Amino acid sequence: MPYDQQPCREPLVLLPGMMCDGRIFEAQIRTFSGSMPVMVLPLAGGDTVEKIAARMLSHLPPRFSLAGLSMGGILAMELVRRAPERISRLCIIGASPLAETPEKAADREPQIIAARTGRLEDVLRESLPMECLAPGPSRLEVHNLFCHMGMELGPELYVAQSRALQRRPDQQATMRRVHVPTLVLGGAHDTLVPPARHELLAQLIPDAKVEILPDAGHFPVLEDPDSVNRALLHWLAVPAPASEAVS
């Protein structure tokens, strides 16, 4: 189905990754906003996944399609847990349903201290290693955009989001109860959430489709936007049930 023949439907809600804003979805907004409302919500409003999700739900329409990238994918899973009846379809990009390990949670502490003491840029560059992005001419551009967005969002948000990730719940049981069209997208070069984690997530969800993009890493929406948009187009075209997302 060509982009210009997309059917109108519920709003498409996009949730960005940690320390990212709507700029990360520029290609998706440009492609889909002509045929449906497109919303990008910030990952703000608390220092736990539960608080952030509660704030989001107060701003979201009664029913919507939901796509989340990285930390946005983690929030998307929490939204499904809290309000399954409002979500008509689900797309998770570069995110795992597993809780933070104690080791990873402990590793965040020195990064939080560094961010609070004026070294946020160093922390951002460390938190997104070049190696988790696909090699090629766009790698540096994507990395620099991430750091630029993060610096503009500031250390206070970094600390709050880090705390939320440290305490995030395991969502495997939630994902097993999803019964709406679901797409799991990942990049073959993603070392933060490797393809095996995407396969695990897809196995939890009945009838989920998983697609690993060979020319992308942790930020497929920036690294290979055309492939992401094609995958999203097919996902949006699958008829969604009128009933709840979770039984």
Protein backbone atom coordinates (compact mmCIF):
# COMPACT_ATOMS: atom_id res chain seq x y z
CA MET A 1 0.00 0.00 0.00
CA PRO A 2 1.60 3.32 -1.06
CA TYR A 3 2.09 5.96 1.61
CA ASP A 4 -0.48 8.23 -0.01
CA GLN A 5 -3.18 5.53 0.27
CA GLN A 6 -3.00 5.05 4.03
CA PRO A 7 -6.46 4.78 5.61
CA CYS A 8 -7.48 7.24 8.28
CA ARG A 9 -7.69 5.70 11.77
CA GLU A 10 -7.12 6.38 15.45
CA PRO A 11 -4.25 8.67 16.40
CA LEU A 12 -0.75 7.26 16.21
CA VAL A 13 1.10 7.87 19.48
CA LEU A 14 4.91 7.80 19.36
CA LEU A 15 7.07 7.53 22.48
CA PRO A 16 10.74 8.50 22.06
CA GLY A 17 13.77 6.95 23.69
CA MET A 18 15.61 8.09 26.79
CA MET A 19 16.76 11.72 26.47
CA CYS A 20 15.12 12.04 23.06
CA ASP A 21 12.31 14.24 21.77
CA GLY A 22 10.09 14.38 18.69
CA ARG A 23 13.03 14.98 16.36
CA ILE A 24 13.83 11.29 16.49
CA PHE A 25 10.50 10.57 14.74
CA GLU A 26 10.79 13.23 12.05
CA ALA A 27 10.52 10.72 9.18
CA GLN A 28 7.50 9.00 10.72
CA ILE A 29 5.69 12.26 11.46
CA ARG A 30 6.29 13.44 7.92
CA THR A 31 5.05 10.17 6.41
CA PHE A 32 1.96 9.46 8.51
CA SER A 33 0.63 12.81 9.69
CA GLY A 34 -1.16 13.43 6.40
CA SER A 35 -3.60 10.58 6.99
CA MET A 36 -3.95 10.35 10.78
CA PRO A 37 -3.25 12.42 13.87
CA VAL A 38 0.30 11.80 15.13
CA MET A 39 1.28 12.59 18.71
CA VAL A 40 4.71 12.46 20.36
CA LEU A 41 4.68 12.40 24.15
CA PRO A 42 7.71 13.27 26.31
CA LEU A 43 8.94 10.73 28.83
CA ALA A 44 8.46 13.06 31.76
CA GLY A 45 6.34 13.44 34.84
CA GLY A 46 8.02 11.24 37.40
CA ASP A 47 10.92 9.05 38.43
CA THR A 48 9.14 5.72 37.97
CA VAL A 49 7.66 4.07 34.91
CA GLU A 50 4.31 3.97 36.69
CA LYS A 51 4.24 7.73 37.36
CA ILE A 52 5.27 8.62 33.82
CA ALA A 53 2.65 6.29 32.33
CA ALA A 54 -0.08 7.68 34.58
CA ARG A 55 0.72 11.20 33.40
CA MET A 56 0.69 10.07 29.76
CA LEU A 57 -2.74 8.48 30.06
CA SER A 58 -4.22 11.77 31.22
CA HIS A 59 -3.11 13.36 27.92
CA LEU A 60 -3.93 10.54 25.51
CA PRO A 61 -7.11 10.03 23.44
CA PRO A 62 -9.64 7.32 24.34
CA ARG A 63 -8.16 4.86 21.82
CA PHE A 64 -4.92 4.99 19.83
CA SER A 65 -2.19 3.09 18.02
CA LEU A 66 1.00 3.00 20.09
CA ALA A 67 4.65 2.78 19.06
CA GLY A 68 7.55 3.18 21.48
CA LEU A 69 11.29 3.31 20.89
CA SER A 70 13.79 2.09 23.51
CA MET A 71 12.65 3.63 26.83
CA GLY A 72 9.51 4.65 24.97
CA GLY A 73 8.93 0.96 24.30
CA ILE A 74 9.25 0.26 28.01
CA LEU A 75 6.62 2.95 28.67
CA ALA A 76 4.44 1.49 25.94
CA MET A 77 4.41 -1.85 27.75
CA GLU A 78 3.37 -0.11 30.97
CA LEU A 79 0.56 1.69 29.13
CA VAL A 80 -0.65 -1.68 27.85
CA ARG A 81 -0.61 -3.02 31.40
CA ARG A 82 -2.58 -0.05 32.73
CA ALA A 83 -5.05 0.69 29.92
CA PRO A 84 -5.29 -2.24 27.51
CA GLU A 85 -8.73 -1.23 26.29
CA ARG A 86 -7.39 2.06 24.91
CA ILE A 87 -4.65 0.59 22.69
CA SER A 88 -5.69 -0.69 19.26
CA ARG A 89 -2.25 -1.88 18.12
CA LEU A 90 1.27 -2.00 19.52
CA CYS A 91 4.77 -1.53 18.11
CA ILE A 92 7.89 -1.96 20.25
CA ILE A 93 11.21 -0.80 18.79
CA GLY A 94 14.52 -1.58 20.49
CA ALA A 95 13.12 -2.42 23.93
CA SER A 96 13.12 -5.42 26.25
CA PRO A 97 10.27 -6.62 28.50
CA LEU A 98 12.74 -7.60 31.23
CA ALA A 99 13.32 -5.62 34.41
CA GLU A 100 16.64 -3.88 35.02
CA THR A 101 19.28 -6.24 36.37
CA PRO A 102 20.84 -5.31 39.74
CA GLU A 103 24.21 -4.90 37.99
CA LYS A 104 22.83 -2.49 35.40
CA ALA A 105 20.91 -0.56 38.04
CA ALA A 106 24.13 -0.14 40.04
CA ASP A 107 26.01 0.99 36.92
CA ARG A 108 23.60 3.91 36.57
CA GLU A 109 24.61 5.45 39.91
CA PRO A 110 27.95 6.96 38.80
CA GLN A 111 26.25 8.20 35.62
CA ILE A 112 23.58 9.93 37.70
CA ILE A 113 26.26 11.58 39.84
CA ALA A 114 28.17 12.68 36.74
CA ALA A 115 25.04 14.17 35.16
CA ARG A 116 24.29 16.10 38.34
CA THR A 117 27.82 17.51 38.47
CA GLY A 118 28.03 19.02 35.02
CA ARG A 119 29.17 16.06 32.94
CA LEU A 120 25.92 15.22 31.16
CA GLU A 121 27.46 15.23 27.69
CA ASP A 122 30.06 12.65 28.74
CA VAL A 123 27.31 10.52 30.25
CA LEU A 124 25.19 10.69 27.09
CA ARG A 125 28.09 9.65 24.89
CA GLU A 126 28.85 6.78 27.23
CA SER A 127 25.23 5.62 27.46
CA LEU A 128 24.91 5.33 23.67
CA PRO A 129 28.16 3.77 22.42
CA MET A 130 28.88 4.18 18.72
CA GLU A 131 29.00 0.40 18.46
CA CYS A 132 25.25 0.12 19.09
CA LEU A 133 24.54 2.00 15.86
CA ALA A 134 24.94 0.58 12.36
CA PRO A 135 28.29 1.37 10.71
CA GLY A 136 28.19 3.86 7.90
CA PRO A 137 28.18 7.56 7.09
CA SER A 138 25.10 8.34 9.20
CA ARG A 139 26.42 6.82 12.43
CA LEU A 140 28.12 9.98 13.68
CA GLU A 141 25.17 12.16 12.65
CA VAL A 142 22.71 9.99 14.59
CA HIS A 143 24.98 9.90 17.62
CA ASN A 144 25.43 13.67 17.59
CA LEU A 145 21.68 14.24 17.30
CA PHE A 146 21.09 12.04 20.34
CA CYS A 147 23.66 13.97 22.37
CA HIS A 148 22.23 17.31 21.20
CA MET A 149 18.69 16.34 22.21
CA GLY A 150 19.92 15.05 25.56
CA MET A 151 21.85 18.22 26.36
CA GLU A 152 18.78 20.33 25.60
CA LEU A 153 16.56 18.15 27.81
CA GLY A 154 19.03 18.52 30.67
CA PRO A 155 20.39 16.65 33.69
CA GLU A 156 17.21 16.75 35.79
CA LEU A 157 15.31 14.71 33.22
CA TYR A 158 18.26 12.36 32.80
CA VAL A 159 18.23 11.58 36.52
CA ALA A 160 14.45 11.04 36.60
CA GLN A 161 14.53 8.75 33.56
CA SER A 162 17.49 6.81 34.97
CA ARG A 163 15.63 6.23 38.23
CA ALA A 164 12.58 5.06 36.29
CA LEU A 165 14.66 2.56 34.34
CA GLN A 166 16.34 1.28 37.49
CA ARG A 167 12.95 0.48 39.03
CA ARG A 168 11.05 -0.65 35.97
CA PRO A 169 8.88 -3.74 36.32
CA ASP A 170 9.19 -6.97 34.37
CA GLN A 171 6.47 -6.93 31.70
CA GLN A 172 6.64 -10.50 30.40
CA ALA A 173 3.26 -11.41 31.89
CA THR A 174 1.71 -8.27 30.38
CA MET A 175 3.06 -9.09 26.94
CA ARG A 176 1.64 -12.62 27.05
CA ARG A 177 -1.85 -11.10 27.29
CA VAL A 178 -1.58 -8.79 24.27
CA HIS A 179 -4.12 -9.57 21.55
CA VAL A 180 -3.86 -6.66 19.12
CA PRO A 181 -1.72 -6.36 15.97
CA THR A 182 1.82 -6.16 17.32
CA LEU A 183 5.09 -5.38 15.58
CA VAL A 184 8.50 -5.87 17.19
CA LEU A 185 11.21 -3.94 15.36
CA GLY A 186 14.94 -4.06 16.00
CA GLY A 187 18.28 -3.31 14.41
CA ALA A 188 20.76 -6.06 13.63
CA HIS A 189 23.60 -3.87 14.95
CA ASP A 190 21.91 -3.00 18.26
CA THR A 191 24.17 -4.06 21.12
CA LEU A 192 22.01 -2.43 23.83
CA VAL A 193 18.95 -4.52 22.97
CA PRO A 194 20.29 -7.26 20.69
CA PRO A 195 18.12 -9.20 18.22
CA ALA A 196 17.74 -12.11 20.67
CA ARG A 197 15.84 -9.81 23.04
CA HIS A 198 13.49 -8.78 20.24
CA GLU A 199 12.87 -12.43 19.43
CA LEU A 200 12.12 -13.09 23.11
CA LEU A 201 9.60 -10.26 23.20
CA ALA A 202 7.89 -11.44 20.01
CA GLN A 203 7.63 -14.99 21.36
CA LEU A 204 5.74 -13.70 24.39
CA ILE A 205 3.07 -11.94 22.32
CA PRO A 206 0.49 -14.07 20.48
CA ASP A 207 0.81 -13.59 16.70
CA ALA A 208 3.39 -10.79 16.97
CA LYS A 209 5.47 -10.04 13.92
CA VAL A 210 9.20 -9.46 14.45
CA GLU A 211 11.45 -7.70 11.95
CA ILE A 212 15.19 -7.19 12.42
CA LEU A 213 16.52 -4.50 10.08
CA PRO A 214 19.98 -5.40 8.73
CA ASP A 215 21.08 -1.78 8.20
CA ALA A 216 20.11 -0.38 11.61
CA GLY A 217 21.20 -0.41 15.23
CA HIS A 218 19.50 0.97 18.34
CA PHE A 219 17.79 3.88 16.52
CA PRO A 220 16.22 2.36 13.38
CA VAL A 221 13.82 5.32 13.03
CA LEU A 222 16.86 7.47 12.24
CA GLU A 223 19.22 4.94 10.71
CA ASP A 224 16.81 3.28 8.26
CA PRO A 225 13.61 5.36 8.27
CA ASP A 226 12.29 4.02 4.96
CA SER A 227 12.35 0.43 6.19
CA VAL A 228 10.75 1.45 9.48
CA ASN A 229 8.01 3.36 7.68
CA ARG A 230 7.25 0.41 5.40
CA ALA A 231 6.98 -1.88 8.41
CA LEU A 232 4.76 0.61 10.24
CA LEU A 233 2.55 1.00 7.18
CA HIS A 234 1.84 -2.75 7.06
CA TRP A 235 1.28 -2.77 10.84
CA LEU A 236 -1.22 0.09 10.59
CA ALA A 237 -3.09 -1.71 7.79
CA VAL A 238 -3.82 -4.84 9.86
CA PRO A 239 -7.40 -4.69 11.17
CA ALA A 240 -7.49 -4.18 14.91
CA PRO A 241 -10.12 -5.75 17.19
CA ALA A 242 -12.66 -3.46 18.79
CA SER A 243 -12.16 -5.16 22.14
CA GLU A 244 -9.42 -4.83 24.74
CA ALA A 245 -5.72 -5.17 23.96
CA VAL A 246 -5.24 -7.57 26.84
CA SER A 247 -7.58 -10.35 27.85
